[in-house]
Amino acid sequence: MKDIALAAEQRQGKGKGAAHQLRFSGRIPAVMYGPETEPTSLAIEERAFRTAMKQAGGQSTLFTLDVNGKQSKVILREIQRDPVSNKVLHLDFHAISMNRPIHIAIPIHFTGISKGVKSEGGIMQVVMREVEISCLPANIPEYVEVDVTELGIGDSIHVSKLNIPNTTILGEPTRTVVVISAPTIIKVETPVAAVEGAEGVAIEGAAA
């Protein structure tokens, strides 16, 4: 599991005006909270956050947040973005204890090409792209890998078949993760009028 360092500073100002000033100066408003941590308003350099996210495997990544010299283990719970520009507006960090299990969703990565797709013309339908687990922070995997190579048409993989060491899978065991469906056959019907017209031409040609 990756553990990425990220610097932050505690901020005093609150409200839309203070948040706007932070963003204008190239910083992102953020908050850190947790069962053993009082909610703390933070400011994080936008450039530093972008660099950290390039190293991260996703929001399941563990961060060491350095707030004015005090370090805390956190996970990124939410990224709020502008719906038009996609610019990051606010970050929510959840402070955790390394000795207590946490609930977190990790991505599912599919590998291989299904024989049902490759040889039988089937269609791979992905039903789940992440699964929720419970584990100690040190055991959080970057992702769970699912090999679909041996799946033929009609075959599927369910949550119960996922193998994630040192974790408890919280998803419903019978829920489908991926399924190989038969190809859709589109029937093209010839218009009746066109058939009748064709027959008429053939008859006239025969009479001539």
N, C-alpha and C. Protein backbone atom coordinates (compact mmCIF):
# COMPACT_ATOMS: atom_id res chain seq x y z
N MET A 1 0.84 -1.19 0.00
CA MET A 1 0.00 0.00 0.00
C MET A 1 0.87 1.25 0.00
N LYS A 2 0.61 2.15 -0.91
CA LYS A 2 1.38 3.39 -0.98
C LYS A 2 1.06 4.30 0.21
N ASP A 3 2.07 5.01 0.67
CA ASP A 3 1.91 6.01 1.72
C ASP A 3 2.60 7.27 1.23
N ILE A 4 1.82 8.27 0.91
CA ILE A 4 2.34 9.47 0.25
C ILE A 4 2.31 10.66 1.20
N ALA A 5 3.42 11.36 1.28
CA ALA A 5 3.52 12.54 2.13
C ALA A 5 2.87 13.74 1.45
N LEU A 6 2.16 14.52 2.24
CA LEU A 6 1.49 15.72 1.72
C LEU A 6 1.49 16.78 2.81
N ALA A 7 2.01 17.96 2.48
CA ALA A 7 2.08 19.05 3.45
C ALA A 7 0.80 19.89 3.43
N ALA A 8 0.43 20.38 4.61
CA ALA A 8 -0.74 21.25 4.74
C ALA A 8 -0.48 22.27 5.84
N GLU A 9 -1.29 23.30 5.86
CA GLU A 9 -1.20 24.27 6.94
C GLU A 9 -2.59 24.53 7.49
N GLN A 10 -2.66 24.80 8.77
CA GLN A 10 -3.95 25.07 9.38
C GLN A 10 -4.41 26.46 8.98
N ARG A 11 -5.68 26.58 8.65
CA ARG A 11 -6.22 27.89 8.24
C ARG A 11 -7.23 28.38 9.27
N GLN A 12 -7.28 29.70 9.39
CA GLN A 12 -8.17 30.33 10.36
C GLN A 12 -9.47 30.81 9.73
N GLY A 13 -9.35 31.42 8.56
CA GLY A 13 -10.54 31.99 7.93
C GLY A 13 -11.52 30.93 7.47
N LYS A 14 -12.81 31.21 7.57
CA LYS A 14 -13.84 30.29 7.13
C LYS A 14 -14.85 31.03 6.26
N GLY A 15 -15.68 30.28 5.56
CA GLY A 15 -16.68 30.89 4.71
C GLY A 15 -16.25 30.95 3.26
N LYS A 16 -17.17 31.35 2.39
CA LYS A 16 -16.91 31.38 0.96
C LYS A 16 -15.83 32.38 0.58
N GLY A 17 -15.82 33.52 1.27
CA GLY A 17 -14.83 34.55 0.94
C GLY A 17 -13.41 34.07 1.20
N ALA A 18 -13.19 33.46 2.36
CA ALA A 18 -11.86 32.96 2.71
C ALA A 18 -11.44 31.83 1.78
N ALA A 19 -12.41 30.96 1.43
CA ALA A 19 -12.11 29.84 0.53
C ALA A 19 -11.74 30.36 -0.86
N HIS A 20 -12.44 31.39 -1.31
CA HIS A 20 -12.15 31.97 -2.63
C HIS A 20 -10.74 32.57 -2.65
N GLN A 21 -10.35 33.23 -1.58
CA GLN A 21 -9.01 33.82 -1.51
C GLN A 21 -7.93 32.73 -1.54
N LEU A 22 -8.20 31.62 -0.86
CA LEU A 22 -7.25 30.51 -0.87
C LEU A 22 -7.05 29.98 -2.29
N ARG A 23 -8.16 29.75 -2.97
CA ARG A 23 -8.07 29.21 -4.34
C ARG A 23 -7.37 30.19 -5.27
N PHE A 24 -7.62 31.47 -5.08
CA PHE A 24 -6.99 32.50 -5.91
C PHE A 24 -5.47 32.49 -5.70
N SER A 25 -5.04 32.12 -4.50
CA SER A 25 -3.60 32.10 -4.20
C SER A 25 -2.95 30.76 -4.54
N GLY A 26 -3.73 29.85 -5.17
CA GLY A 26 -3.16 28.57 -5.58
C GLY A 26 -3.21 27.49 -4.53
N ARG A 27 -4.09 27.67 -3.52
CA ARG A 27 -4.23 26.67 -2.47
C ARG A 27 -5.66 26.13 -2.46
N ILE A 28 -5.82 24.93 -1.90
CA ILE A 28 -7.12 24.27 -1.86
C ILE A 28 -7.62 24.21 -0.41
N PRO A 29 -8.83 24.68 -0.14
CA PRO A 29 -9.41 24.52 1.19
C PRO A 29 -9.65 23.03 1.47
N ALA A 30 -9.40 22.62 2.70
CA ALA A 30 -9.58 21.21 3.06
C ALA A 30 -9.98 21.11 4.52
N VAL A 31 -10.43 19.90 4.90
CA VAL A 31 -10.75 19.64 6.30
C VAL A 31 -10.27 18.25 6.65
N MET A 32 -9.77 18.08 7.87
CA MET A 32 -9.37 16.77 8.38
C MET A 32 -10.21 16.46 9.60
N TYR A 33 -10.76 15.25 9.66
CA TYR A 33 -11.60 14.85 10.79
C TYR A 33 -11.43 13.35 11.01
N GLY A 34 -11.94 12.86 12.14
CA GLY A 34 -11.85 11.44 12.44
C GLY A 34 -12.36 11.16 13.83
N PRO A 35 -12.49 9.88 14.19
CA PRO A 35 -13.04 9.52 15.50
C PRO A 35 -12.19 10.02 16.66
N GLU A 36 -10.90 10.20 16.42
CA GLU A 36 -10.01 10.68 17.50
C GLU A 36 -9.41 12.04 17.15
N THR A 37 -9.99 12.69 16.15
CA THR A 37 -9.43 13.97 15.68
C THR A 37 -10.52 15.02 15.57
N GLU A 38 -10.29 16.15 16.18
CA GLU A 38 -11.23 17.26 16.05
C GLU A 38 -11.17 17.80 14.62
N PRO A 39 -12.32 18.17 14.03
CA PRO A 39 -12.30 18.74 12.68
C PRO A 39 -11.34 19.93 12.60
N THR A 40 -10.45 19.87 11.63
CA THR A 40 -9.42 20.90 11.47
C THR A 40 -9.46 21.45 10.06
N SER A 41 -9.58 22.76 9.94
CA SER A 41 -9.59 23.40 8.61
C SER A 41 -8.17 23.57 8.11
N LEU A 42 -7.93 23.17 6.86
CA LEU A 42 -6.59 23.16 6.31
C LEU A 42 -6.52 23.89 4.97
N ALA A 43 -5.31 24.17 4.56
CA ALA A 43 -5.04 24.69 3.21
C ALA A 43 -3.89 23.89 2.63
N ILE A 44 -4.04 23.44 1.38
CA ILE A 44 -3.03 22.61 0.72
C ILE A 44 -2.66 23.23 -0.62
N GLU A 45 -1.37 23.29 -0.90
CA GLU A 45 -0.93 23.84 -2.18
C GLU A 45 -1.49 22.98 -3.32
N GLU A 46 -2.13 23.62 -4.29
CA GLU A 46 -2.74 22.90 -5.40
C GLU A 46 -1.71 22.09 -6.17
N ARG A 47 -0.54 22.69 -6.40
CA ARG A 47 0.51 21.99 -7.15
C ARG A 47 0.98 20.75 -6.41
N ALA A 48 1.14 20.85 -5.08
CA ALA A 48 1.58 19.71 -4.27
C ALA A 48 0.53 18.60 -4.29
N PHE A 49 -0.74 18.98 -4.26
CA PHE A 49 -1.81 17.99 -4.29
C PHE A 49 -1.83 17.25 -5.62
N ARG A 50 -1.66 17.98 -6.73
CA ARG A 50 -1.64 17.33 -8.04
C ARG A 50 -0.49 16.33 -8.13
N THR A 51 0.67 16.71 -7.61
CA THR A 51 1.83 15.82 -7.62
C THR A 51 1.56 14.56 -6.80
N ALA A 52 0.94 14.74 -5.64
CA ALA A 52 0.63 13.61 -4.77
C ALA A 52 -0.36 12.66 -5.43
N MET A 53 -1.35 13.19 -6.12
CA MET A 53 -2.37 12.35 -6.75
C MET A 53 -1.81 11.58 -7.94
N LYS A 54 -0.76 12.11 -8.58
CA LYS A 54 -0.12 11.38 -9.67
C LYS A 54 0.58 10.13 -9.14
N GLN A 55 1.05 10.21 -7.90
CA GLN A 55 1.71 9.07 -7.28
C GLN A 55 0.70 8.08 -6.69
N ALA A 56 -0.47 8.59 -6.35
CA ALA A 56 -1.48 7.77 -5.68
C ALA A 56 -2.14 6.80 -6.66
N GLY A 57 -2.65 5.69 -6.12
CA GLY A 57 -3.37 4.73 -6.93
C GLY A 57 -4.85 5.01 -6.97
N GLY A 58 -5.29 6.07 -6.29
CA GLY A 58 -6.71 6.39 -6.22
C GLY A 58 -7.02 6.90 -4.82
N GLN A 59 -8.30 7.05 -4.52
CA GLN A 59 -8.70 7.60 -3.23
C GLN A 59 -8.50 6.61 -2.09
N SER A 60 -8.14 5.37 -2.40
CA SER A 60 -7.86 4.39 -1.34
C SER A 60 -6.42 4.50 -0.85
N THR A 61 -5.65 5.42 -1.42
CA THR A 61 -4.25 5.62 -1.03
C THR A 61 -4.16 6.21 0.38
N LEU A 62 -3.15 5.78 1.11
CA LEU A 62 -2.89 6.31 2.44
C LEU A 62 -1.95 7.51 2.31
N PHE A 63 -2.31 8.62 2.99
CA PHE A 63 -1.48 9.82 2.98
C PHE A 63 -0.95 10.09 4.39
N THR A 64 0.27 10.58 4.46
CA THR A 64 0.79 11.12 5.71
C THR A 64 0.70 12.64 5.59
N LEU A 65 -0.27 13.20 6.29
CA LEU A 65 -0.54 14.64 6.19
C LEU A 65 0.26 15.37 7.25
N ASP A 66 1.15 16.24 6.80
CA ASP A 66 2.00 17.02 7.71
C ASP A 66 1.38 18.40 7.87
N VAL A 67 0.81 18.64 9.06
CA VAL A 67 0.15 19.93 9.35
C VAL A 67 1.01 20.70 10.33
N ASN A 68 1.76 21.65 9.78
CA ASN A 68 2.64 22.48 10.60
C ASN A 68 3.57 21.63 11.48
N GLY A 69 4.10 20.55 10.91
CA GLY A 69 5.05 19.72 11.64
C GLY A 69 4.44 18.52 12.34
N LYS A 70 3.12 18.47 12.49
CA LYS A 70 2.45 17.34 13.13
C LYS A 70 1.90 16.41 12.06
N GLN A 71 2.29 15.13 12.12
CA GLN A 71 1.90 14.19 11.09
C GLN A 71 0.70 13.34 11.50
N SER A 72 -0.19 13.12 10.53
CA SER A 72 -1.37 12.29 10.75
C SER A 72 -1.56 11.37 9.55
N LYS A 73 -1.96 10.13 9.82
CA LYS A 73 -2.30 9.20 8.75
C LYS A 73 -3.76 9.45 8.34
N VAL A 74 -3.96 9.67 7.05
CA VAL A 74 -5.31 10.00 6.57
C VAL A 74 -5.59 9.29 5.25
N ILE A 75 -6.85 9.18 4.92
CA ILE A 75 -7.27 8.78 3.59
C ILE A 75 -8.16 9.90 3.04
N LEU A 76 -8.18 10.02 1.75
CA LEU A 76 -8.95 11.07 1.08
C LEU A 76 -10.38 10.58 0.88
N ARG A 77 -11.33 11.17 1.59
CA ARG A 77 -12.71 10.71 1.54
C ARG A 77 -13.50 11.36 0.40
N GLU A 78 -13.20 12.62 0.10
CA GLU A 78 -14.01 13.29 -0.93
C GLU A 78 -13.21 14.40 -1.61
N ILE A 79 -13.39 14.50 -2.91
CA ILE A 79 -12.83 15.60 -3.69
C ILE A 79 -14.01 16.34 -4.32
N GLN A 80 -14.19 17.59 -3.96
CA GLN A 80 -15.25 18.40 -4.56
C GLN A 80 -14.66 19.19 -5.72
N ARG A 81 -15.31 19.10 -6.89
CA ARG A 81 -14.81 19.77 -8.09
C ARG A 81 -15.86 20.70 -8.67
N ASP A 82 -15.38 21.70 -9.40
CA ASP A 82 -16.27 22.59 -10.13
C ASP A 82 -16.89 21.80 -11.28
N PRO A 83 -18.22 21.80 -11.42
CA PRO A 83 -18.86 20.99 -12.46
C PRO A 83 -18.51 21.42 -13.88
N VAL A 84 -18.06 22.64 -14.06
CA VAL A 84 -17.73 23.14 -15.40
C VAL A 84 -16.24 23.01 -15.69
N SER A 85 -15.40 23.55 -14.82
CA SER A 85 -13.95 23.56 -15.06
C SER A 85 -13.23 22.33 -14.54
N ASN A 86 -13.90 21.55 -13.66
CA ASN A 86 -13.32 20.37 -13.03
C ASN A 86 -12.20 20.72 -12.05
N LYS A 87 -12.08 21.98 -11.72
CA LYS A 87 -11.06 22.44 -10.77
C LYS A 87 -11.43 21.94 -9.36
N VAL A 88 -10.42 21.52 -8.61
CA VAL A 88 -10.65 21.04 -7.25
C VAL A 88 -11.03 22.21 -6.34
N LEU A 89 -12.18 22.08 -5.66
CA LEU A 89 -12.68 23.15 -4.81
C LEU A 89 -12.46 22.88 -3.32
N HIS A 90 -12.52 21.60 -2.93
CA HIS A 90 -12.41 21.29 -1.50
C HIS A 90 -12.02 19.83 -1.33
N LEU A 91 -11.30 19.53 -0.25
CA LEU A 91 -10.86 18.17 0.04
C LEU A 91 -11.28 17.77 1.45
N ASP A 92 -11.72 16.52 1.59
CA ASP A 92 -12.07 15.96 2.90
C ASP A 92 -11.10 14.82 3.22
N PHE A 93 -10.36 14.95 4.31
CA PHE A 93 -9.44 13.90 4.75
C PHE A 93 -9.95 13.27 6.04
N HIS A 94 -9.90 11.94 6.08
CA HIS A 94 -10.34 11.20 7.26
C HIS A 94 -9.11 10.68 8.00
N ALA A 95 -8.90 11.18 9.22
CA ALA A 95 -7.77 10.74 10.03
C ALA A 95 -8.05 9.36 10.60
N ILE A 96 -7.07 8.47 10.53
CA ILE A 96 -7.28 7.08 10.94
C ILE A 96 -6.23 6.65 11.95
N SER A 97 -6.55 5.53 12.63
CA SER A 97 -5.59 4.88 13.51
C SER A 97 -5.07 3.65 12.80
N MET A 98 -3.76 3.43 12.84
CA MET A 98 -3.16 2.29 12.15
C MET A 98 -3.52 0.97 12.83
N ASN A 99 -4.10 1.04 14.04
CA ASN A 99 -4.44 -0.17 14.80
C ASN A 99 -5.93 -0.50 14.74
N ARG A 100 -6.70 0.27 13.98
CA ARG A 100 -8.14 0.02 13.89
C ARG A 100 -8.54 -0.22 12.45
N PRO A 101 -9.37 -1.26 12.21
CA PRO A 101 -9.85 -1.51 10.84
C PRO A 101 -10.69 -0.33 10.34
N ILE A 102 -10.64 -0.09 9.05
CA ILE A 102 -11.47 0.93 8.44
C ILE A 102 -12.22 0.33 7.25
N HIS A 103 -13.33 0.98 6.90
CA HIS A 103 -14.10 0.59 5.72
C HIS A 103 -13.67 1.49 4.57
N ILE A 104 -13.38 0.88 3.44
CA ILE A 104 -12.93 1.67 2.29
C ILE A 104 -13.25 0.91 1.00
N ALA A 105 -13.51 1.65 -0.05
CA ALA A 105 -13.77 1.05 -1.36
C ALA A 105 -12.48 1.06 -2.18
N ILE A 106 -12.14 -0.08 -2.76
CA ILE A 106 -10.94 -0.17 -3.61
C ILE A 106 -11.36 -0.51 -5.04
N PRO A 107 -10.59 -0.05 -6.02
CA PRO A 107 -10.96 -0.32 -7.43
C PRO A 107 -10.73 -1.77 -7.82
N ILE A 108 -11.49 -2.20 -8.83
CA ILE A 108 -11.33 -3.54 -9.41
C ILE A 108 -10.68 -3.38 -10.77
N HIS A 109 -9.56 -4.08 -10.99
CA HIS A 109 -8.86 -4.05 -12.28
C HIS A 109 -9.08 -5.39 -12.99
N PHE A 110 -9.53 -5.33 -14.22
CA PHE A 110 -9.79 -6.54 -15.00
C PHE A 110 -8.60 -6.81 -15.91
N THR A 111 -8.14 -8.07 -15.93
CA THR A 111 -7.01 -8.45 -16.77
C THR A 111 -7.40 -9.57 -17.73
N GLY A 112 -6.67 -9.68 -18.84
CA GLY A 112 -6.92 -10.71 -19.82
C GLY A 112 -8.06 -10.37 -20.76
N ILE A 113 -8.22 -11.19 -21.79
CA ILE A 113 -9.33 -11.07 -22.73
C ILE A 113 -10.17 -12.33 -22.64
N SER A 114 -11.40 -12.19 -22.31
CA SER A 114 -12.30 -13.32 -22.15
C SER A 114 -12.38 -14.13 -23.44
N LYS A 115 -12.33 -15.48 -23.30
CA LYS A 115 -12.45 -16.33 -24.49
C LYS A 115 -13.85 -16.19 -25.10
N GLY A 116 -14.81 -15.82 -24.27
CA GLY A 116 -16.16 -15.60 -24.79
C GLY A 116 -16.23 -14.37 -25.67
N VAL A 117 -15.39 -13.41 -25.40
CA VAL A 117 -15.31 -12.20 -26.23
C VAL A 117 -14.42 -12.45 -27.44
N LYS A 118 -13.26 -13.06 -27.18
CA LYS A 118 -12.26 -13.25 -28.23
C LYS A 118 -12.69 -14.24 -29.30
N SER A 119 -13.28 -15.37 -28.89
CA SER A 119 -13.58 -16.44 -29.84
C SER A 119 -15.06 -16.60 -30.17
N GLU A 120 -15.93 -16.09 -29.30
CA GLU A 120 -17.35 -16.34 -29.47
C GLU A 120 -18.17 -15.08 -29.75
N GLY A 121 -17.48 -13.95 -29.83
CA GLY A 121 -18.18 -12.71 -30.15
C GLY A 121 -19.03 -12.15 -29.04
N GLY A 122 -18.76 -12.58 -27.79
CA GLY A 122 -19.55 -12.10 -26.65
C GLY A 122 -19.19 -10.68 -26.25
N ILE A 123 -19.90 -10.18 -25.28
CA ILE A 123 -19.70 -8.82 -24.79
C ILE A 123 -19.43 -8.87 -23.29
N MET A 124 -18.32 -8.27 -22.84
CA MET A 124 -18.01 -8.23 -21.42
C MET A 124 -18.73 -7.05 -20.78
N GLN A 125 -19.57 -7.35 -19.81
CA GLN A 125 -20.32 -6.32 -19.10
C GLN A 125 -19.80 -6.19 -17.68
N VAL A 126 -19.21 -5.05 -17.37
CA VAL A 126 -18.67 -4.79 -16.03
C VAL A 126 -19.79 -4.22 -15.17
N VAL A 127 -20.13 -4.94 -14.10
CA VAL A 127 -21.20 -4.52 -13.21
C VAL A 127 -20.66 -3.71 -12.03
N MET A 128 -19.48 -4.10 -11.53
CA MET A 128 -18.86 -3.41 -10.39
C MET A 128 -17.45 -2.96 -10.76
N ARG A 129 -17.12 -1.73 -10.45
CA ARG A 129 -15.78 -1.21 -10.70
C ARG A 129 -15.00 -0.99 -9.41
N GLU A 130 -15.64 -1.18 -8.26
CA GLU A 130 -14.96 -1.12 -6.98
C GLU A 130 -15.72 -1.97 -5.97
N VAL A 131 -15.04 -2.36 -4.92
CA VAL A 131 -15.66 -3.19 -3.89
C VAL A 131 -15.27 -2.64 -2.52
N GLU A 132 -16.18 -2.70 -1.58
CA GLU A 132 -15.92 -2.17 -0.24
C GLU A 132 -15.34 -3.27 0.64
N ILE A 133 -14.31 -2.91 1.38
CA ILE A 133 -13.65 -3.86 2.26
C ILE A 133 -13.44 -3.25 3.64
N SER A 134 -13.07 -4.10 4.59
CA SER A 134 -12.67 -3.66 5.93
C SER A 134 -11.32 -4.30 6.24
N CYS A 135 -10.37 -3.47 6.69
CA CYS A 135 -9.04 -4.00 7.03
C CYS A 135 -8.26 -2.94 7.79
N LEU A 136 -7.12 -3.35 8.32
CA LEU A 136 -6.21 -2.39 8.93
C LEU A 136 -5.61 -1.51 7.84
N PRO A 137 -5.35 -0.25 8.13
CA PRO A 137 -4.82 0.66 7.11
C PRO A 137 -3.57 0.13 6.40
N ALA A 138 -2.72 -0.58 7.11
CA ALA A 138 -1.49 -1.08 6.48
C ALA A 138 -1.77 -2.16 5.44
N ASN A 139 -2.97 -2.76 5.50
CA ASN A 139 -3.31 -3.85 4.57
C ASN A 139 -4.18 -3.40 3.40
N ILE A 140 -4.42 -2.10 3.27
CA ILE A 140 -5.26 -1.62 2.18
C ILE A 140 -4.54 -1.85 0.84
N PRO A 141 -5.13 -2.66 -0.04
CA PRO A 141 -4.50 -2.87 -1.36
C PRO A 141 -4.83 -1.71 -2.29
N GLU A 142 -3.99 -1.49 -3.29
CA GLU A 142 -4.27 -0.44 -4.26
C GLU A 142 -5.49 -0.80 -5.10
N TYR A 143 -5.64 -2.09 -5.36
CA TYR A 143 -6.77 -2.58 -6.16
C TYR A 143 -6.87 -4.09 -6.00
N VAL A 144 -7.97 -4.67 -6.46
CA VAL A 144 -8.11 -6.11 -6.54
C VAL A 144 -8.14 -6.49 -8.02
N GLU A 145 -7.37 -7.52 -8.38
CA GLU A 145 -7.24 -7.92 -9.78
C GLU A 145 -8.18 -9.09 -10.08
N VAL A 146 -8.90 -8.99 -11.19
CA VAL A 146 -9.83 -10.03 -11.62
C VAL A 146 -9.45 -10.46 -13.03
N ASP A 147 -9.08 -11.74 -13.19
CA ASP A 147 -8.71 -12.29 -14.49
C ASP A 147 -9.95 -12.87 -15.17
N VAL A 148 -10.28 -12.35 -16.36
CA VAL A 148 -11.49 -12.79 -17.06
C VAL A 148 -11.17 -13.74 -18.22
N THR A 149 -9.90 -14.16 -18.35
CA THR A 149 -9.46 -14.94 -19.52
C THR A 149 -10.32 -16.17 -19.78
N GLU A 150 -10.67 -16.91 -18.75
CA GLU A 150 -11.36 -18.19 -18.92
C GLU A 150 -12.88 -18.07 -18.98
N LEU A 151 -13.40 -16.86 -18.98
CA LEU A 151 -14.85 -16.69 -19.00
C LEU A 151 -15.40 -16.84 -20.42
N GLY A 152 -16.37 -17.76 -20.59
CA GLY A 152 -17.07 -17.91 -21.86
C GLY A 152 -18.40 -17.21 -21.79
N ILE A 153 -19.17 -17.27 -22.86
CA ILE A 153 -20.49 -16.64 -22.89
C ILE A 153 -21.37 -17.26 -21.81
N GLY A 154 -21.97 -16.39 -21.02
CA GLY A 154 -22.83 -16.84 -19.93
C GLY A 154 -22.11 -16.97 -18.60
N ASP A 155 -20.78 -16.94 -18.62
CA ASP A 155 -20.01 -17.04 -17.38
C ASP A 155 -19.94 -15.69 -16.68
N SER A 156 -19.77 -15.74 -15.37
CA SER A 156 -19.68 -14.51 -14.58
C SER A 156 -18.81 -14.73 -13.35
N ILE A 157 -18.40 -13.66 -12.75
CA ILE A 157 -17.65 -13.69 -11.49
C ILE A 157 -18.43 -12.89 -10.46
N HIS A 158 -18.57 -13.46 -9.26
CA HIS A 158 -19.31 -12.79 -8.19
C HIS A 158 -18.35 -12.34 -7.09
N VAL A 159 -18.86 -11.50 -6.20
CA VAL A 159 -18.05 -10.97 -5.11
C VAL A 159 -17.44 -12.09 -4.28
N SER A 160 -18.15 -13.19 -4.11
CA SER A 160 -17.66 -14.31 -3.31
C SER A 160 -16.38 -14.91 -3.87
N LYS A 161 -16.09 -14.69 -5.15
CA LYS A 161 -14.89 -15.25 -5.79
C LYS A 161 -13.68 -14.32 -5.72
N LEU A 162 -13.86 -13.12 -5.20
CA LEU A 162 -12.74 -12.19 -5.10
C LEU A 162 -11.78 -12.63 -4.02
N ASN A 163 -10.50 -12.48 -4.28
CA ASN A 163 -9.47 -12.87 -3.32
C ASN A 163 -8.67 -11.64 -2.92
N ILE A 164 -8.92 -11.15 -1.70
CA ILE A 164 -8.22 -9.96 -1.21
C ILE A 164 -7.63 -10.32 0.16
N PRO A 165 -6.34 -10.66 0.23
CA PRO A 165 -5.72 -11.09 1.49
C PRO A 165 -5.81 -10.04 2.59
N ASN A 166 -5.94 -10.54 3.82
CA ASN A 166 -5.91 -9.70 5.04
C ASN A 166 -7.03 -8.67 5.09
N THR A 167 -8.15 -8.96 4.42
CA THR A 167 -9.28 -8.04 4.44
C THR A 167 -10.58 -8.82 4.62
N THR A 168 -11.63 -8.09 4.99
CA THR A 168 -12.98 -8.63 5.01
C THR A 168 -13.76 -7.91 3.92
N ILE A 169 -14.30 -8.68 2.99
CA ILE A 169 -15.08 -8.07 1.90
C ILE A 169 -16.49 -7.80 2.40
N LEU A 170 -16.93 -6.57 2.25
CA LEU A 170 -18.23 -6.16 2.77
C LEU A 170 -19.34 -6.24 1.74
N GLY A 171 -18.99 -6.41 0.47
CA GLY A 171 -20.00 -6.48 -0.57
C GLY A 171 -20.82 -7.76 -0.47
N GLU A 172 -22.05 -7.74 -0.98
CA GLU A 172 -22.92 -8.91 -0.99
C GLU A 172 -22.25 -10.03 -1.80
N PRO A 173 -22.05 -11.22 -1.21
CA PRO A 173 -21.32 -12.30 -1.89
C PRO A 173 -21.91 -12.71 -3.23
N THR A 174 -23.24 -12.62 -3.36
CA THR A 174 -23.87 -13.08 -4.60
C THR A 174 -23.91 -12.01 -5.68
N ARG A 175 -23.43 -10.82 -5.38
CA ARG A 175 -23.48 -9.75 -6.37
C ARG A 175 -22.51 -10.01 -7.52
N THR A 176 -22.96 -9.77 -8.74
CA THR A 176 -22.14 -10.00 -9.93
C THR A 176 -21.12 -8.87 -10.12
N VAL A 177 -19.89 -9.26 -10.39
CA VAL A 177 -18.82 -8.30 -10.66
C VAL A 177 -18.70 -8.06 -12.16
N VAL A 178 -18.67 -9.15 -12.94
CA VAL A 178 -18.54 -9.06 -14.39
C VAL A 178 -19.23 -10.27 -15.01
N VAL A 179 -19.81 -10.11 -16.18
CA VAL A 179 -20.49 -11.20 -16.88
C VAL A 179 -20.21 -11.09 -18.37
N ILE A 180 -20.11 -12.24 -19.03
CA ILE A 180 -19.91 -12.27 -20.49
C ILE A 180 -21.26 -12.59 -21.12
N SER A 181 -21.81 -11.66 -21.84
CA SER A 181 -23.13 -11.81 -22.44
C SER A 181 -23.02 -12.21 -23.91
N ALA A 182 -24.07 -12.87 -24.40
CA ALA A 182 -24.12 -13.25 -25.81
C ALA A 182 -24.25 -12.00 -26.66
N PRO A 183 -23.72 -12.03 -27.88
CA PRO A 183 -23.83 -10.85 -28.75
C PRO A 183 -25.28 -10.55 -29.10
N THR A 184 -25.59 -9.30 -29.26
CA THR A 184 -26.94 -8.87 -29.64
C THR A 184 -27.11 -9.05 -31.15
N ILE A 185 -28.16 -9.78 -31.54
CA ILE A 185 -28.43 -10.01 -32.96
C ILE A 185 -29.56 -9.09 -33.40
N ILE A 186 -29.29 -8.26 -34.38
CA ILE A 186 -30.28 -7.31 -34.88
C ILE A 186 -30.87 -7.86 -36.17
N LYS A 187 -32.16 -8.11 -36.16
CA LYS A 187 -32.84 -8.62 -37.35
C LYS A 187 -33.25 -7.46 -38.25
N VAL A 188 -32.89 -7.54 -39.51
CA VAL A 188 -33.26 -6.50 -40.47
C VAL A 188 -34.37 -7.05 -41.35
N GLU A 189 -35.56 -6.48 -41.24
CA GLU A 189 -36.69 -6.94 -42.02
C GLU A 189 -36.80 -6.14 -43.31
N THR A 190 -37.01 -6.83 -44.44
CA THR A 190 -37.16 -6.16 -45.72
C THR A 190 -38.57 -5.60 -45.82
N PRO A 191 -38.72 -4.31 -46.12
CA PRO A 191 -40.05 -3.71 -46.23
C PRO A 191 -40.92 -4.45 -47.23
N VAL A 192 -42.20 -4.63 -46.90
CA VAL A 192 -43.14 -5.35 -47.75
C VAL A 192 -43.28 -4.70 -49.12
N ALA A 193 -43.34 -3.38 -49.14
CA ALA A 193 -43.52 -2.65 -50.39
C ALA A 193 -42.37 -2.92 -51.34
N ALA A 194 -41.14 -3.00 -50.79
CA ALA A 194 -39.97 -3.23 -51.64
C ALA A 194 -40.03 -4.62 -52.25
N VAL A 195 -40.50 -5.61 -51.46
CA VAL A 195 -40.60 -6.98 -51.97
C VAL A 195 -41.62 -7.06 -53.08
N GLU A 196 -42.79 -6.41 -52.87
CA GLU A 196 -43.84 -6.44 -53.88
C GLU A 196 -43.37 -5.79 -55.17
N GLY A 197 -42.64 -4.68 -55.05
CA GLY A 197 -42.15 -3.98 -56.23
C GLY A 197 -41.17 -4.84 -57.00
N ALA A 198 -40.34 -5.57 -56.28
CA ALA A 198 -39.35 -6.43 -56.93
C ALA A 198 -40.04 -7.55 -57.68
N GLU A 199 -41.11 -8.09 -57.06
CA GLU A 199 -41.85 -9.16 -57.73
C GLU A 199 -42.50 -8.66 -59.01
N GLY A 200 -43.01 -7.42 -58.96
CA GLY A 200 -43.67 -6.85 -60.14
C GLY A 200 -42.72 -6.72 -61.31
N VAL A 201 -41.50 -6.28 -61.02
CA VAL A 201 -40.51 -6.13 -62.09
C VAL A 201 -40.18 -7.47 -62.71
N ALA A 202 -40.06 -8.49 -61.89
CA ALA A 202 -39.70 -9.82 -62.37
C ALA A 202 -40.80 -10.35 -63.30
N ILE A 203 -42.07 -10.11 -62.95
CA ILE A 203 -43.18 -10.62 -63.75
C ILE A 203 -43.22 -9.93 -65.11
N GLU A 204 -43.02 -8.59 -65.09
CA GLU A 204 -43.04 -7.86 -66.34
C GLU A 204 -41.92 -8.32 -67.27
N GLY A 205 -40.78 -8.60 -66.68
CA GLY A 205 -39.64 -9.03 -67.49
C GLY A 205 -39.94 -10.39 -68.11
N ALA A 206 -40.64 -11.25 -67.38
CA ALA A 206 -40.95 -12.57 -67.89
C ALA A 206 -41.93 -12.48 -69.03
N ALA A 207 -42.91 -11.53 -68.92
CA ALA A 207 -43.92 -11.39 -69.99
C ALA A 207 -43.29 -10.88 -71.26
N ALA A 208 -42.33 -10.00 -71.16
CA ALA A 208 -41.69 -9.49 -72.33
C ALA A 208 -40.92 -10.58 -73.03
